[in-house]
Amino acid sequence: MYFIDLSQYTQKFLDKIDSHIKERIENTLKRLENNPVPSDAKFIGREGGEKIFRYRIGDYRALYSINENKKIILVMKIDKRSRVYD
């Protein structure tokens, strides 16, 4: 089982959005604890030896990395599709 860690940017974003959207995103991210690479997640590259994935949550995208040694999933950024890759 993995531990979900949110970056400062991600936490600020979640604090600003509507509660029902925030709840949906948090529930979806919670599923990553048991399956860090679901079939609908897409590998987009490597950074510092860690794999970076994109996960679609409705109109939003979550970018996250997986640290296999420490069993940590770091959610680096969540935003709408048009802004997440900036």
C-alpha atoms as a PDB file:
ATOM      1  CA  MET A   1       0.000   0.000   0.000  1.00  0.00           C
ATOM      2  CA  TYR A   2       1.242   3.459  -0.922  1.00  0.00           C
ATOM      3  CA  PHE A   3       0.982   6.779   0.906  1.00  0.00           C
ATOM      4  CA  ILE A   4      -0.448   9.822  -0.945  1.00  0.00           C
ATOM      5  CA  ASP A   5       1.487  13.061  -0.426  1.00  0.00           C
ATOM      6  CA  LEU A   6       0.268  16.387  -1.833  1.00  0.00           C
ATOM      7  CA  SER A   7       2.602  19.153  -2.930  1.00  0.00           C
ATOM      8  CA  GLN A   8       2.058  22.654  -1.591  1.00  0.00           C
ATOM      9  CA  TYR A   9       0.697  23.750  -4.988  1.00  0.00           C
ATOM     10  CA  THR A  10      -1.784  20.868  -5.032  1.00  0.00           C
ATOM     11  CA  GLN A  11      -2.996  21.563  -1.502  1.00  0.00           C
ATOM     12  CA  LYS A  12      -3.587  25.242  -2.307  1.00  0.00           C
ATOM     13  CA  PHE A  13      -5.509  24.272  -5.442  1.00  0.00           C
ATOM     14  CA  LEU A  14      -7.741  21.845  -3.525  1.00  0.00           C
ATOM     15  CA  ASP A  15      -8.422  24.459  -0.847  1.00  0.00           C
ATOM     16  CA  LYS A  16      -9.715  26.903  -3.492  1.00  0.00           C
ATOM     17  CA  ILE A  17     -12.110  24.685  -5.467  1.00  0.00           C
ATOM     18  CA  ASP A  18     -15.729  23.752  -4.689  1.00  0.00           C
ATOM     19  CA  SER A  19     -16.193  21.118  -2.014  1.00  0.00           C
ATOM     20  CA  HIS A  20     -17.988  18.580  -4.240  1.00  0.00           C
ATOM     21  CA  ILE A  21     -15.182  18.718  -6.828  1.00  0.00           C
ATOM     22  CA  LYS A  22     -12.563  18.505  -4.082  1.00  0.00           C
ATOM     23  CA  GLU A  23     -14.282  15.441  -2.621  1.00  0.00           C
ATOM     24  CA  ARG A  24     -14.397  13.736  -6.031  1.00  0.00           C
ATOM     25  CA  ILE A  25     -10.691  14.411  -6.635  1.00  0.00           C
ATOM     26  CA  GLU A  26      -9.686  13.209  -3.157  1.00  0.00           C
ATOM     27  CA  ASN A  27     -11.734  10.003  -3.510  1.00  0.00           C
ATOM     28  CA  THR A  28     -10.149   9.294  -6.881  1.00  0.00           C
ATOM     29  CA  LEU A  29      -6.631   9.924  -5.546  1.00  0.00           C
ATOM     30  CA  LYS A  30      -7.340   7.646  -2.577  1.00  0.00           C
ATOM     31  CA  ARG A  31      -7.779   4.752  -5.027  1.00  0.00           C
ATOM     32  CA  LEU A  32      -4.128   5.207  -6.041  1.00  0.00           C
ATOM     33  CA  GLU A  33      -3.036   3.936  -2.616  1.00  0.00           C
ATOM     34  CA  ASN A  34      -3.901   0.359  -3.619  1.00  0.00           C
ATOM     35  CA  ASN A  35      -3.177   0.652  -7.350  1.00  0.00           C
ATOM     36  CA  PRO A  36      -0.652   3.426  -8.099  1.00  0.00           C
ATOM     37  CA  VAL A  37      -0.823   2.887 -11.867  1.00  0.00           C
ATOM     38  CA  PRO A  38      -4.435   2.222 -12.869  1.00  0.00           C
ATOM     39  CA  SER A  39      -5.183   1.339 -16.477  1.00  0.00           C
ATOM     40  CA  ASP A  40      -6.354   4.895 -17.249  1.00  0.00           C
ATOM     41  CA  ALA A  41      -3.169   6.563 -15.931  1.00  0.00           C
ATOM     42  CA  LYS A  42      -0.648   7.550 -18.566  1.00  0.00           C
ATOM     43  CA  PHE A  43       3.137   7.482 -18.208  1.00  0.00           C
ATOM     44  CA  ILE A  44       4.518  10.834 -19.393  1.00  0.00           C
ATOM     45  CA  GLY A  45       8.222  10.624 -18.513  1.00  0.00           C
ATOM     46  CA  ARG A  46      10.884  10.467 -15.837  1.00  0.00           C
ATOM     47  CA  GLU A  47      12.272  13.105 -13.537  1.00  0.00           C
ATOM     48  CA  GLY A  48      15.086  12.417 -11.111  1.00  0.00           C
ATOM     49  CA  GLY A  49      14.712   8.666 -11.562  1.00  0.00           C
ATOM     50  CA  GLU A  50      11.019   8.684 -10.651  1.00  0.00           C
ATOM     51  CA  LYS A  51       8.241   7.890 -13.088  1.00  0.00           C
ATOM     52  CA  ILE A  52       5.755  10.714 -13.783  1.00  0.00           C
ATOM     53  CA  PHE A  53       2.145   9.848 -14.561  1.00  0.00           C
ATOM     54  CA  ARG A  54      -0.949  11.749 -15.612  1.00  0.00           C
ATOM     55  CA  TYR A  55      -4.330  10.746 -14.208  1.00  0.00           C
ATOM     56  CA  ARG A  56      -7.595  12.087 -15.583  1.00  0.00           C
ATOM     57  CA  ILE A  57     -10.265  13.082 -13.075  1.00  0.00           C
ATOM     58  CA  GLY A  58     -13.156  14.496 -15.118  1.00  0.00           C
ATOM     59  CA  ASP A  59     -12.111  17.908 -16.478  1.00  0.00           C
ATOM     60  CA  TYR A  60      -9.019  17.886 -14.249  1.00  0.00           C
ATOM     61  CA  ARG A  61      -5.626  16.226 -14.591  1.00  0.00           C
ATOM     62  CA  ALA A  62      -3.363  15.105 -11.764  1.00  0.00           C
ATOM     63  CA  LEU A  63       0.381  14.827 -12.347  1.00  0.00           C
ATOM     64  CA  TYR A  64       2.087  12.523  -9.879  1.00  0.00           C
ATOM     65  CA  SER A  65       5.308  10.642  -9.319  1.00  0.00           C
ATOM     66  CA  ILE A  66       5.875   7.328  -7.612  1.00  0.00           C
ATOM     67  CA  ASN A  67       8.762   6.637  -5.254  1.00  0.00           C
ATOM     68  CA  GLU A  68       8.874   2.849  -5.277  1.00  0.00           C
ATOM     69  CA  ASN A  69      11.436   2.556  -2.457  1.00  0.00           C
ATOM     70  CA  LYS A  70       9.479   4.647   0.058  1.00  0.00           C
ATOM     71  CA  LYS A  71       6.019   3.677  -1.283  1.00  0.00           C
ATOM     72  CA  ILE A  72       5.050   7.333  -1.694  1.00  0.00           C
ATOM     73  CA  ILE A  73       2.901   8.871  -4.426  1.00  0.00           C
ATOM     74  CA  LEU A  74       3.597  12.591  -4.709  1.00  0.00           C
ATOM     75  CA  VAL A  75       0.770  14.493  -6.399  1.00  0.00           C
ATOM     76  CA  MET A  76       2.708  17.407  -7.864  1.00  0.00           C
ATOM     77  CA  LYS A  77      -0.040  19.293  -9.639  1.00  0.00           C
ATOM     78  CA  ILE A  78      -3.793  19.215 -10.237  1.00  0.00           C
ATOM     79  CA  ASP A  79      -5.506  21.613 -12.601  1.00  0.00           C
ATOM     80  CA  LYS A  80      -7.709  21.810 -15.658  1.00  0.00           C
ATOM     81  CA  ARG A  81      -6.244  20.210 -18.761  1.00  0.00           C
ATOM     82  CA  SER A  82      -5.465  23.536 -20.428  1.00  0.00           C
ATOM     83  CA  ARG A  83      -3.289  24.688 -17.495  1.00  0.00           C
ATOM     84  CA  VAL A  84      -1.809  21.569 -15.905  1.00  0.00           C
ATOM     85  CA  TYR A  85       1.129  21.170 -18.304  1.00  0.00           C
ATOM     86  CA  ASP A  86       2.423  24.767 -17.955  1.00  0.00           C
END
